[in-house]
Amino acid sequence: MNIEQLTYIVEVAKTKSLAKAAEILNISQSGLSQAISRLESELNIKLFIRSRTGAVTTKEGDAIIEKAQDALYALYQIKAEAKHQLNNINDLLRISAIPGLAGPIIDTYILLKQKESTLKIEVNEKASMEIIEDIKDDKTDIGFIAINKASIDLVSDLHFIPVMNGKISVYTSIDSPLANTMERMTVDLLKTQKFVLYKDEYVQNFINNFQRLYGPIDVFFKTTNLDVITKAVMELGAVTIGHDISAVFNHSFPSDTVKAIEIADLSDTSFRFGWLKKHDNKLSNEAKHYIEEVNKMLWRQQ
């Protein structure tokens, strides 16, 4: 007994004709007749009384076909549930993103919720290396990270989806003399600055490489609080270093009072920014659509 045979007998019972049922089922009439005969032989029950005018169910056939209808409906429910699970797998999407990206991520989510999206999200801001480790440890489902050539091997066993390119820049108050005189920060000027830094591996690697090549610099303090960094830049005359896209997409970034200055070719400051997840982490269709909409917002605002 198989699903096809159950489908056949239900259709024949409904149409009361092998010819009509065969046409609907897209099978030859002889093939349909043989399949029903094999089922009758297996069950040792006569299901239909066949004649030139059609096929009607026997008393025993009525009971069997009722059970067949129940079985087929149960199979339909299984398929429907599987489809539902596919569309709603990971009902809660855990997202980690580098600082400054929470704005577009939340804004996109709000727009989708207004359209009655069922997706739920959890968003955390972290440094790229922390995000990579969290993904490997299944502490987050997907992350938006920055990665450079020197670190690309760290994500070789994960699925990285690049979205845009960017770089590390120096940020200073527009009231600073640097803002009025510099388009690119030179080594000599960089060495004289007072720094407040975000606790990020790439920022720290840049500082370490700079100090190794050109000597020590004055790092005032380090923090993961962007508001504190902005306050130090604006009120204490400090400078900071960070990813340019963090400034572009950070809603609270004071672009009217803080200026970005490119760093002279001291080292490779270019990065690729994008999504990172495990290869076997299957996102729901809802989650995939959400990520696509975040990308569209990032491209529009870039």
C-alpha atoms as a PDB file:
ATOM      1  CA  MET A   1       0.000   0.000   0.000  1.00  0.00           C
ATOM      2  CA  ASN A   2       1.257   3.479  -0.854  1.00  0.00           C
ATOM      3  CA  ILE A   3       0.082   7.080  -1.044  1.00  0.00           C
ATOM      4  CA  GLU A   4      -0.607   6.851  -4.771  1.00  0.00           C
ATOM      5  CA  GLN A   5      -2.977   3.931  -4.299  1.00  0.00           C
ATOM      6  CA  LEU A   6      -4.874   5.806  -1.574  1.00  0.00           C
ATOM      7  CA  THR A   7      -5.127   8.819  -3.867  1.00  0.00           C
ATOM      8  CA  TYR A   8      -6.403   6.615  -6.688  1.00  0.00           C
ATOM      9  CA  ILE A   9      -9.207   4.956  -4.742  1.00  0.00           C
ATOM     10  CA  VAL A  10     -10.382   8.272  -3.270  1.00  0.00           C
ATOM     11  CA  GLU A  11     -10.558   9.831  -6.749  1.00  0.00           C
ATOM     12  CA  VAL A  12     -12.388   6.855  -8.243  1.00  0.00           C
ATOM     13  CA  ALA A  13     -14.885   6.905  -5.380  1.00  0.00           C
ATOM     14  CA  LYS A  14     -15.456  10.616  -5.970  1.00  0.00           C
ATOM     15  CA  THR A  15     -15.898  10.413  -9.764  1.00  0.00           C
ATOM     16  CA  LYS A  16     -17.490   6.936  -9.812  1.00  0.00           C
ATOM     17  CA  SER A  17     -15.523   6.341 -13.008  1.00  0.00           C
ATOM     18  CA  LEU A  18     -12.104   4.869 -13.726  1.00  0.00           C
ATOM     19  CA  ALA A  19     -11.932   6.813 -16.994  1.00  0.00           C
ATOM     20  CA  LYS A  20     -12.628  10.189 -15.375  1.00  0.00           C
ATOM     21  CA  ALA A  21     -10.332   9.463 -12.421  1.00  0.00           C
ATOM     22  CA  ALA A  22      -7.516   8.379 -14.766  1.00  0.00           C
ATOM     23  CA  GLU A  23      -7.850  11.621 -16.726  1.00  0.00           C
ATOM     24  CA  ILE A  24      -7.741  13.742 -13.548  1.00  0.00           C
ATOM     25  CA  LEU A  25      -4.813  11.762 -12.117  1.00  0.00           C
ATOM     26  CA  ASN A  26      -2.945  11.862 -15.433  1.00  0.00           C
ATOM     27  CA  ILE A  27      -2.519   8.094 -15.565  1.00  0.00           C
ATOM     28  CA  SER A  28      -3.691   5.503 -18.065  1.00  0.00           C
ATOM     29  CA  GLN A  29      -6.969   3.784 -17.273  1.00  0.00           C
ATOM     30  CA  SER A  30      -5.296   0.375 -17.395  1.00  0.00           C
ATOM     31  CA  GLY A  31      -2.553   1.555 -15.027  1.00  0.00           C
ATOM     32  CA  LEU A  32      -5.173   2.878 -12.613  1.00  0.00           C
ATOM     33  CA  SER A  33      -7.163  -0.343 -12.802  1.00  0.00           C
ATOM     34  CA  GLN A  34      -4.073  -2.455 -12.129  1.00  0.00           C
ATOM     35  CA  ALA A  35      -3.049  -0.296  -9.144  1.00  0.00           C
ATOM     36  CA  ILE A  36      -6.508  -0.669  -7.584  1.00  0.00           C
ATOM     37  CA  SER A  37      -6.522  -4.412  -8.233  1.00  0.00           C
ATOM     38  CA  ARG A  38      -3.150  -4.792  -6.487  1.00  0.00           C
ATOM     39  CA  LEU A  39      -4.483  -2.882  -3.465  1.00  0.00           C
ATOM     40  CA  GLU A  40      -7.642  -5.005  -3.352  1.00  0.00           C
ATOM     41  CA  SER A  41      -5.482  -8.129  -3.496  1.00  0.00           C
ATOM     42  CA  GLU A  42      -3.219  -6.832  -0.714  1.00  0.00           C
ATOM     43  CA  LEU A  43      -6.185  -5.975   1.512  1.00  0.00           C
ATOM     44  CA  ASN A  44      -8.163  -9.027   0.422  1.00  0.00           C
ATOM     45  CA  ILE A  45     -11.200  -6.765   0.060  1.00  0.00           C
ATOM     46  CA  LYS A  46     -13.251  -5.781  -2.969  1.00  0.00           C
ATOM     47  CA  LEU A  47     -13.325  -1.968  -3.011  1.00  0.00           C
ATOM     48  CA  PHE A  48     -15.313  -1.305  -6.183  1.00  0.00           C
ATOM     49  CA  ILE A  49     -17.942  -2.964  -8.310  1.00  0.00           C
ATOM     50  CA  ARG A  50     -16.871  -2.126 -11.845  1.00  0.00           C
ATOM     51  CA  SER A  51     -19.089  -2.053 -14.877  1.00  0.00           C
ATOM     52  CA  ARG A  52     -19.283  -0.418 -18.276  1.00  0.00           C
ATOM     53  CA  THR A  53     -21.210   2.460 -16.719  1.00  0.00           C
ATOM     54  CA  GLY A  54     -18.668   3.198 -13.973  1.00  0.00           C
ATOM     55  CA  ALA A  55     -17.331   2.082 -10.601  1.00  0.00           C
ATOM     56  CA  VAL A  56     -19.205   2.193  -7.315  1.00  0.00           C
ATOM     57  CA  THR A  57     -17.823   1.393  -3.898  1.00  0.00           C
ATOM     58  CA  THR A  58     -18.721  -1.715  -1.994  1.00  0.00           C
ATOM     59  CA  LYS A  59     -19.832  -1.557   1.634  1.00  0.00           C
ATOM     60  CA  GLU A  60     -16.340  -2.624   2.694  1.00  0.00           C
ATOM     61  CA  GLY A  61     -14.851  -0.133   0.207  1.00  0.00           C
ATOM     62  CA  ASP A  62     -16.770   2.765   1.772  1.00  0.00           C
ATOM     63  CA  ALA A  63     -15.086   2.148   5.130  1.00  0.00           C
ATOM     64  CA  ILE A  64     -11.624   1.765   3.565  1.00  0.00           C
ATOM     65  CA  ILE A  65     -11.961   4.919   1.440  1.00  0.00           C
ATOM     66  CA  GLU A  66     -13.083   6.924   4.471  1.00  0.00           C
ATOM     67  CA  LYS A  67      -9.865   5.857   6.219  1.00  0.00           C
ATOM     68  CA  ALA A  68      -7.883   6.662   3.057  1.00  0.00           C
ATOM     69  CA  GLN A  69      -9.342  10.186   3.019  1.00  0.00           C
ATOM     70  CA  ASP A  70      -8.329  10.639   6.663  1.00  0.00           C
ATOM     71  CA  ALA A  71      -4.805   9.412   5.870  1.00  0.00           C
ATOM     72  CA  LEU A  72      -4.432  11.752   2.897  1.00  0.00           C
ATOM     73  CA  TYR A  73      -5.685  14.682   4.964  1.00  0.00           C
ATOM     74  CA  ALA A  74      -3.138  13.818   7.661  1.00  0.00           C
ATOM     75  CA  LEU A  75      -0.409  13.822   5.010  1.00  0.00           C
ATOM     76  CA  TYR A  76      -1.628  17.224   3.788  1.00  0.00           C
ATOM     77  CA  GLN A  77      -1.388  18.555   7.342  1.00  0.00           C
ATOM     78  CA  ILE A  78       2.163  17.179   7.654  1.00  0.00           C
ATOM     79  CA  LYS A  79       3.204  18.960   4.450  1.00  0.00           C
ATOM     80  CA  ALA A  80       1.508  22.181   5.565  1.00  0.00           C
ATOM     81  CA  GLU A  81       3.269  22.030   8.918  1.00  0.00           C
ATOM     82  CA  ALA A  82       6.609  21.380   7.224  1.00  0.00           C
ATOM     83  CA  LYS A  83       6.051  24.427   5.006  1.00  0.00           C
ATOM     84  CA  HIS A  84       5.116  26.480   8.048  1.00  0.00           C
ATOM     85  CA  GLN A  85       8.263  25.353   9.857  1.00  0.00           C
ATOM     86  CA  LEU A  86      10.390  26.206   6.821  1.00  0.00           C
ATOM     87  CA  ASN A  87       8.942  29.696   6.669  1.00  0.00           C
ATOM     88  CA  ASN A  88       9.195  30.273  10.402  1.00  0.00           C
ATOM     89  CA  ILE A  89      12.335  28.382  11.382  1.00  0.00           C
ATOM     90  CA  ASN A  90      14.326  30.495  13.836  1.00  0.00           C
ATOM     91  CA  ASP A  91      11.248  32.511  14.836  1.00  0.00           C
ATOM     92  CA  LEU A  92      13.698  34.566  16.884  1.00  0.00           C
ATOM     93  CA  LEU A  93      16.590  35.819  14.731  1.00  0.00           C
ATOM     94  CA  ARG A  94      19.593  36.655  16.893  1.00  0.00           C
ATOM     95  CA  ILE A  95      21.691  39.369  15.244  1.00  0.00           C
ATOM     96  CA  SER A  96      25.047  40.812  16.255  1.00  0.00           C
ATOM     97  CA  ALA A  97      26.426  43.852  14.445  1.00  0.00           C
ATOM     98  CA  ILE A  98      29.431  46.124  14.624  1.00  0.00           C
ATOM     99  CA  PRO A  99      28.772  49.510  16.291  1.00  0.00           C
ATOM    100  CA  GLY A 100      26.700  51.965  14.308  1.00  0.00           C
ATOM    101  CA  LEU A 101      24.695  49.387  12.342  1.00  0.00           C
ATOM    102  CA  ALA A 102      21.863  48.957  14.831  1.00  0.00           C
ATOM    103  CA  GLY A 103      19.999  51.914  13.284  1.00  0.00           C
ATOM    104  CA  PRO A 104      19.331  50.408   9.824  1.00  0.00           C
ATOM    105  CA  ILE A 105      18.750  46.974  11.368  1.00  0.00           C
ATOM    106  CA  ILE A 106      16.066  48.283  13.730  1.00  0.00           C
ATOM    107  CA  ASP A 107      14.559  50.709  11.194  1.00  0.00           C
ATOM    108  CA  THR A 108      14.098  47.896   8.662  1.00  0.00           C
ATOM    109  CA  TYR A 109      12.521  45.684  11.295  1.00  0.00           C
ATOM    110  CA  ILE A 110      10.025  48.370  12.275  1.00  0.00           C
ATOM    111  CA  LEU A 111       8.990  48.807   8.633  1.00  0.00           C
ATOM    112  CA  LEU A 112       8.435  45.051   8.247  1.00  0.00           C
ATOM    113  CA  LYS A 113       6.491  44.809  11.519  1.00  0.00           C
ATOM    114  CA  GLN A 114       4.177  47.519  10.214  1.00  0.00           C
ATOM    115  CA  LYS A 115       3.468  45.099   7.360  1.00  0.00           C
ATOM    116  CA  GLU A 116       2.638  42.374   9.928  1.00  0.00           C
ATOM    117  CA  SER A 117       5.878  40.390   9.719  1.00  0.00           C
ATOM    118  CA  THR A 118       5.961  37.522  12.225  1.00  0.00           C
ATOM    119  CA  LEU A 119       9.742  37.647  12.607  1.00  0.00           C
ATOM    120  CA  LYS A 120      11.232  38.458  16.012  1.00  0.00           C
ATOM    121  CA  ILE A 121      14.779  39.756  16.384  1.00  0.00           C
ATOM    122  CA  GLU A 122      17.362  40.248  19.090  1.00  0.00           C
ATOM    123  CA  VAL A 123      20.127  42.756  18.298  1.00  0.00           C
ATOM    124  CA  ASN A 124      23.496  43.216  20.020  1.00  0.00           C
ATOM    125  CA  GLU A 125      26.394  45.520  19.142  1.00  0.00           C
ATOM    126  CA  LYS A 126      29.795  43.860  19.366  1.00  0.00           C
ATOM    127  CA  ALA A 127      33.236  43.954  17.816  1.00  0.00           C
ATOM    128  CA  SER A 128      33.758  41.796  14.727  1.00  0.00           C
ATOM    129  CA  MET A 129      35.956  39.195  16.421  1.00  0.00           C
ATOM    130  CA  GLU A 130      33.399  38.701  19.185  1.00  0.00           C
ATOM    131  CA  ILE A 131      30.692  38.232  16.572  1.00  0.00           C
ATOM    132  CA  ILE A 132      32.768  35.614  14.740  1.00  0.00           C
ATOM    133  CA  GLU A 133      33.269  33.647  17.949  1.00  0.00           C
ATOM    134  CA  ASP A 134      29.595  33.946  18.914  1.00  0.00           C
ATOM    135  CA  ILE A 135      28.538  32.540  15.533  1.00  0.00           C
ATOM    136  CA  LYS A 136      30.948  29.624  15.859  1.00  0.00           C
ATOM    137  CA  ASP A 137      29.600  28.957  19.374  1.00  0.00           C
ATOM    138  CA  ASP A 138      25.938  29.236  18.217  1.00  0.00           C
ATOM    139  CA  LYS A 139      25.351  32.244  20.456  1.00  0.00           C
ATOM    140  CA  THR A 140      24.055  34.302  17.535  1.00  0.00           C
ATOM    141  CA  ASP A 141      22.420  33.345  14.236  1.00  0.00           C
ATOM    142  CA  ILE A 142      23.861  35.974  11.918  1.00  0.00           C
ATOM    143  CA  GLY A 143      26.285  38.855  12.287  1.00  0.00           C
ATOM    144  CA  PHE A 144      27.242  41.978  10.395  1.00  0.00           C
ATOM    145  CA  ILE A 145      31.023  42.289  10.579  1.00  0.00           C
ATOM    146  CA  ALA A 146      34.026  44.091   9.178  1.00  0.00           C
ATOM    147  CA  ILE A 147      36.807  41.939   7.743  1.00  0.00           C
ATOM    148  CA  ASN A 148      40.119  42.784   6.087  1.00  0.00           C
ATOM    149  CA  LYS A 149      42.512  40.736   3.983  1.00  0.00           C
ATOM    150  CA  ALA A 150      44.692  39.863   6.945  1.00  0.00           C
ATOM    151  CA  SER A 151      41.757  38.325   8.838  1.00  0.00           C
ATOM    152  CA  ILE A 152      39.791  36.655   6.048  1.00  0.00           C
ATOM    153  CA  ASP A 153      41.054  33.188   7.044  1.00  0.00           C
ATOM    154  CA  LEU A 154      39.185  33.547  10.351  1.00  0.00           C
ATOM    155  CA  VAL A 155      35.885  33.144   8.511  1.00  0.00           C
ATOM    156  CA  SER A 156      36.978  30.506   5.982  1.00  0.00           C
ATOM    157  CA  ASP A 157      34.738  27.886   7.610  1.00  0.00           C
ATOM    158  CA  LEU A 158      31.741  30.249   7.720  1.00  0.00           C
ATOM    159  CA  HIS A 159      29.517  31.820   5.063  1.00  0.00           C
ATOM    160  CA  PHE A 160      30.449  35.477   4.520  1.00  0.00           C
ATOM    161  CA  ILE A 161      28.142  37.582   2.336  1.00  0.00           C
ATOM    162  CA  PRO A 162      29.814  40.926   1.466  1.00  0.00           C
ATOM    163  CA  VAL A 163      27.521  43.949   1.267  1.00  0.00           C
ATOM    164  CA  MET A 164      29.832  46.963   0.901  1.00  0.00           C
ATOM    165  CA  ASN A 165      33.405  48.198   1.156  1.00  0.00           C
ATOM    166  CA  GLY A 166      34.807  50.724   3.598  1.00  0.00           C
ATOM    167  CA  LYS A 167      37.843  51.791   5.541  1.00  0.00           C
ATOM    168  CA  ILE A 168      39.158  52.992   8.879  1.00  0.00           C
ATOM    169  CA  SER A 169      39.307  56.766   9.291  1.00  0.00           C
ATOM    170  CA  VAL A 170      40.298  59.297  11.941  1.00  0.00           C
ATOM    171  CA  TYR A 171      37.514  61.369  13.512  1.00  0.00           C
ATOM    172  CA  THR A 172      37.998  64.798  15.040  1.00  0.00           C
ATOM    173  CA  SER A 173      35.848  67.712  16.153  1.00  0.00           C
ATOM    174  CA  ILE A 174      35.097  70.268  13.427  1.00  0.00           C
ATOM    175  CA  ASP A 175      36.459  72.861  15.879  1.00  0.00           C
ATOM    176  CA  SER A 176      39.849  71.162  15.858  1.00  0.00           C
ATOM    177  CA  PRO A 177      42.595  72.731  13.703  1.00  0.00           C
ATOM    178  CA  LEU A 178      42.895  69.303  12.067  1.00  0.00           C
ATOM    179  CA  ALA A 179      39.407  69.638  10.598  1.00  0.00           C
ATOM    180  CA  ASN A 180      40.288  72.817   8.751  1.00  0.00           C
ATOM    181  CA  THR A 181      43.736  71.899   7.506  1.00  0.00           C
ATOM    182  CA  MET A 182      43.742  68.186   6.753  1.00  0.00           C
ATOM    183  CA  GLU A 183      42.192  65.980   4.104  1.00  0.00           C
ATOM    184  CA  ARG A 184      44.484  63.049   4.941  1.00  0.00           C
ATOM    185  CA  MET A 185      46.078  62.361   8.304  1.00  0.00           C
ATOM    186  CA  THR A 186      49.876  62.054   8.161  1.00  0.00           C
ATOM    187  CA  VAL A 187      52.113  60.057  10.475  1.00  0.00           C
ATOM    188  CA  ASP A 188      53.615  63.130  12.131  1.00  0.00           C
ATOM    189  CA  LEU A 189      50.246  64.644  12.968  1.00  0.00           C
ATOM    190  CA  LEU A 190      48.789  61.344  14.110  1.00  0.00           C
ATOM    191  CA  LYS A 191      51.647  60.897  16.582  1.00  0.00           C
ATOM    192  CA  THR A 192      50.797  64.179  18.309  1.00  0.00           C
ATOM    193  CA  GLN A 193      47.128  63.425  18.924  1.00  0.00           C
ATOM    194  CA  LYS A 194      45.357  62.338  22.078  1.00  0.00           C
ATOM    195  CA  PHE A 195      43.282  59.221  21.317  1.00  0.00           C
ATOM    196  CA  VAL A 196      40.065  57.781  22.700  1.00  0.00           C
ATOM    197  CA  LEU A 197      39.422  54.385  21.149  1.00  0.00           C
ATOM    198  CA  TYR A 198      36.583  51.935  20.701  1.00  0.00           C
ATOM    199  CA  LYS A 199      37.559  48.493  22.017  1.00  0.00           C
ATOM    200  CA  ASP A 200      37.747  46.714  18.687  1.00  0.00           C
ATOM    201  CA  GLU A 201      40.388  44.283  17.458  1.00  0.00           C
ATOM    202  CA  TYR A 202      40.865  46.050  14.140  1.00  0.00           C
ATOM    203  CA  VAL A 203      41.281  49.423  15.794  1.00  0.00           C
ATOM    204  CA  GLN A 204      43.735  47.929  18.270  1.00  0.00           C
ATOM    205  CA  ASN A 205      45.639  46.163  15.487  1.00  0.00           C
ATOM    206  CA  PHE A 206      45.950  49.454  13.620  1.00  0.00           C
ATOM    207  CA  ILE A 207      47.253  51.186  16.744  1.00  0.00           C
ATOM    208  CA  ASN A 208      49.668  48.329  17.485  1.00  0.00           C
ATOM    209  CA  ASN A 209      51.052  48.386  13.931  1.00  0.00           C
ATOM    210  CA  PHE A 210      51.332  52.164  13.977  1.00  0.00           C
ATOM    211  CA  GLN A 211      53.233  52.175  17.276  1.00  0.00           C
ATOM    212  CA  ARG A 212      55.489  49.367  16.094  1.00  0.00           C
ATOM    213  CA  LEU A 213      56.425  51.376  12.995  1.00  0.00           C
ATOM    214  CA  TYR A 214      56.393  54.949  14.275  1.00  0.00           C
ATOM    215  CA  GLY A 215      56.623  54.872  18.060  1.00  0.00           C
ATOM    216  CA  PRO A 216      54.154  55.331  20.932  1.00  0.00           C
ATOM    217  CA  ILE A 217      51.018  57.475  20.845  1.00  0.00           C
ATOM    218  CA  ASP A 218      48.871  58.865  23.640  1.00  0.00           C
ATOM    219  CA  VAL A 219      45.804  56.668  24.139  1.00  0.00           C
ATOM    220  CA  PHE A 220      43.602  58.592  26.562  1.00  0.00           C
ATOM    221  CA  PHE A 221      41.162  55.736  27.231  1.00  0.00           C
ATOM    222  CA  LYS A 222      39.255  52.863  25.597  1.00  0.00           C
ATOM    223  CA  THR A 223      35.556  52.088  25.790  1.00  0.00           C
ATOM    224  CA  THR A 224      32.683  50.357  23.990  1.00  0.00           C
ATOM    225  CA  ASN A 225      30.404  53.355  24.550  1.00  0.00           C
ATOM    226  CA  LEU A 226      30.161  55.430  21.363  1.00  0.00           C
ATOM    227  CA  ASP A 227      28.502  58.357  23.154  1.00  0.00           C
ATOM    228  CA  VAL A 228      31.447  58.614  25.547  1.00  0.00           C
ATOM    229  CA  ILE A 229      33.869  58.568  22.611  1.00  0.00           C
ATOM    230  CA  THR A 230      31.931  61.330  20.850  1.00  0.00           C
ATOM    231  CA  LYS A 231      31.901  63.400  24.035  1.00  0.00           C
ATOM    232  CA  ALA A 232      35.683  63.052  24.410  1.00  0.00           C
ATOM    233  CA  VAL A 233      36.243  64.057  20.775  1.00  0.00           C
ATOM    234  CA  MET A 234      34.019  67.120  21.016  1.00  0.00           C
ATOM    235  CA  GLU A 235      34.856  68.338  24.530  1.00  0.00           C
ATOM    236  CA  LEU A 236      38.412  67.147  25.161  1.00  0.00           C
ATOM    237  CA  GLY A 237      39.910  67.629  21.713  1.00  0.00           C
ATOM    238  CA  ALA A 238      40.679  63.932  21.360  1.00  0.00           C
ATOM    239  CA  VAL A 239      40.595  62.004  18.103  1.00  0.00           C
ATOM    240  CA  THR A 240      39.269  58.523  17.532  1.00  0.00           C
ATOM    241  CA  ILE A 241      39.622  55.828  14.891  1.00  0.00           C
ATOM    242  CA  GLY A 242      36.755  53.780  13.501  1.00  0.00           C
ATOM    243  CA  HIS A 243      35.017  52.224  10.524  1.00  0.00           C
ATOM    244  CA  ASP A 244      33.589  54.811   8.171  1.00  0.00           C
ATOM    245  CA  ILE A 245      30.274  52.979   7.760  1.00  0.00           C
ATOM    246  CA  SER A 246      29.714  53.077  11.513  1.00  0.00           C
ATOM    247  CA  ALA A 247      29.665  56.857  11.250  1.00  0.00           C
ATOM    248  CA  VAL A 248      27.462  56.834   8.146  1.00  0.00           C
ATOM    249  CA  PHE A 249      24.754  54.589   9.614  1.00  0.00           C
ATOM    250  CA  ASN A 250      24.907  55.554  13.293  1.00  0.00           C
ATOM    251  CA  HIS A 251      21.835  57.696  13.955  1.00  0.00           C
ATOM    252  CA  SER A 252      23.461  59.353  16.957  1.00  0.00           C
ATOM    253  CA  PHE A 253      26.707  60.185  15.167  1.00  0.00           C
ATOM    254  CA  PRO A 254      27.056  64.008  15.215  1.00  0.00           C
ATOM    255  CA  SER A 255      28.069  64.450  11.576  1.00  0.00           C
ATOM    256  CA  ASP A 256      27.589  68.210  11.880  1.00  0.00           C
ATOM    257  CA  THR A 257      30.185  68.483  14.665  1.00  0.00           C
ATOM    258  CA  VAL A 258      32.597  65.595  13.967  1.00  0.00           C
ATOM    259  CA  LYS A 259      34.643  65.250  10.776  1.00  0.00           C
ATOM    260  CA  ALA A 260      36.204  62.161   9.223  1.00  0.00           C
ATOM    261  CA  ILE A 261      39.769  62.418   7.923  1.00  0.00           C
ATOM    262  CA  GLU A 262      41.302  59.719   5.744  1.00  0.00           C
ATOM    263  CA  ILE A 263      44.471  58.083   6.960  1.00  0.00           C
ATOM    264  CA  ALA A 264      47.511  58.375   4.714  1.00  0.00           C
ATOM    265  CA  ASP A 265      48.821  55.142   3.212  1.00  0.00           C
ATOM    266  CA  LEU A 266      50.403  53.907   6.427  1.00  0.00           C
ATOM    267  CA  SER A 267      48.879  50.447   6.071  1.00  0.00           C
ATOM    268  CA  ASP A 268      45.919  48.742   4.457  1.00  0.00           C
ATOM    269  CA  THR A 269      42.883  50.335   6.113  1.00  0.00           C
ATOM    270  CA  SER A 270      40.321  48.899   3.677  1.00  0.00           C
ATOM    271  CA  PHE A 271      37.611  46.506   4.835  1.00  0.00           C
ATOM    272  CA  ARG A 272      34.687  44.533   3.491  1.00  0.00           C
ATOM    273  CA  PHE A 273      31.472  44.687   5.461  1.00  0.00           C
ATOM    274  CA  GLY A 274      28.782  42.049   5.344  1.00  0.00           C
ATOM    275  CA  TRP A 275      26.801  39.230   6.900  1.00  0.00           C
ATOM    276  CA  LEU A 276      28.314  36.142   8.466  1.00  0.00           C
ATOM    277  CA  LYS A 277      26.643  32.885   9.464  1.00  0.00           C
ATOM    278  CA  LYS A 278      27.266  29.152   9.615  1.00  0.00           C
ATOM    279  CA  HIS A 279      26.866  27.260   6.341  1.00  0.00           C
ATOM    280  CA  ASP A 280      24.291  24.914   7.877  1.00  0.00           C
ATOM    281  CA  ASN A 281      22.246  27.652   9.533  1.00  0.00           C
ATOM    282  CA  LYS A 282      19.107  27.703   7.372  1.00  0.00           C
ATOM    283  CA  LEU A 283      17.304  31.016   7.765  1.00  0.00           C
ATOM    284  CA  SER A 284      13.555  31.167   7.310  1.00  0.00           C
ATOM    285  CA  ASN A 285      12.116  32.881   4.249  1.00  0.00           C
ATOM    286  CA  GLU A 286      10.949  35.667   6.552  1.00  0.00           C
ATOM    287  CA  ALA A 287      14.469  36.130   7.897  1.00  0.00           C
ATOM    288  CA  LYS A 288      15.987  36.059   4.392  1.00  0.00           C
ATOM    289  CA  HIS A 289      13.544  38.733   3.248  1.00  0.00           C
ATOM    290  CA  TYR A 290      14.410  40.832   6.297  1.00  0.00           C
ATOM    291  CA  ILE A 291      18.159  40.630   5.591  1.00  0.00           C
ATOM    292  CA  GLU A 292      17.533  41.637   1.951  1.00  0.00           C
ATOM    293  CA  GLU A 293      15.561  44.662   3.120  1.00  0.00           C
ATOM    294  CA  VAL A 294      18.362  45.681   5.524  1.00  0.00           C
ATOM    295  CA  ASN A 295      20.821  45.504   2.610  1.00  0.00           C
ATOM    296  CA  LYS A 296      18.575  47.718   0.482  1.00  0.00           C
ATOM    297  CA  MET A 297      18.434  50.300   3.251  1.00  0.00           C
ATOM    298  CA  LEU A 298      22.223  50.213   3.647  1.00  0.00           C
ATOM    299  CA  TRP A 299      22.734  50.704  -0.095  1.00  0.00           C
ATOM    300  CA  ARG A 300      20.247  53.597  -0.204  1.00  0.00           C
ATOM    301  CA  GLN A 301      21.905  55.399   2.710  1.00  0.00           C
ATOM    302  CA  GLN A 302      25.495  54.695   1.670  1.00  0.00           C
END
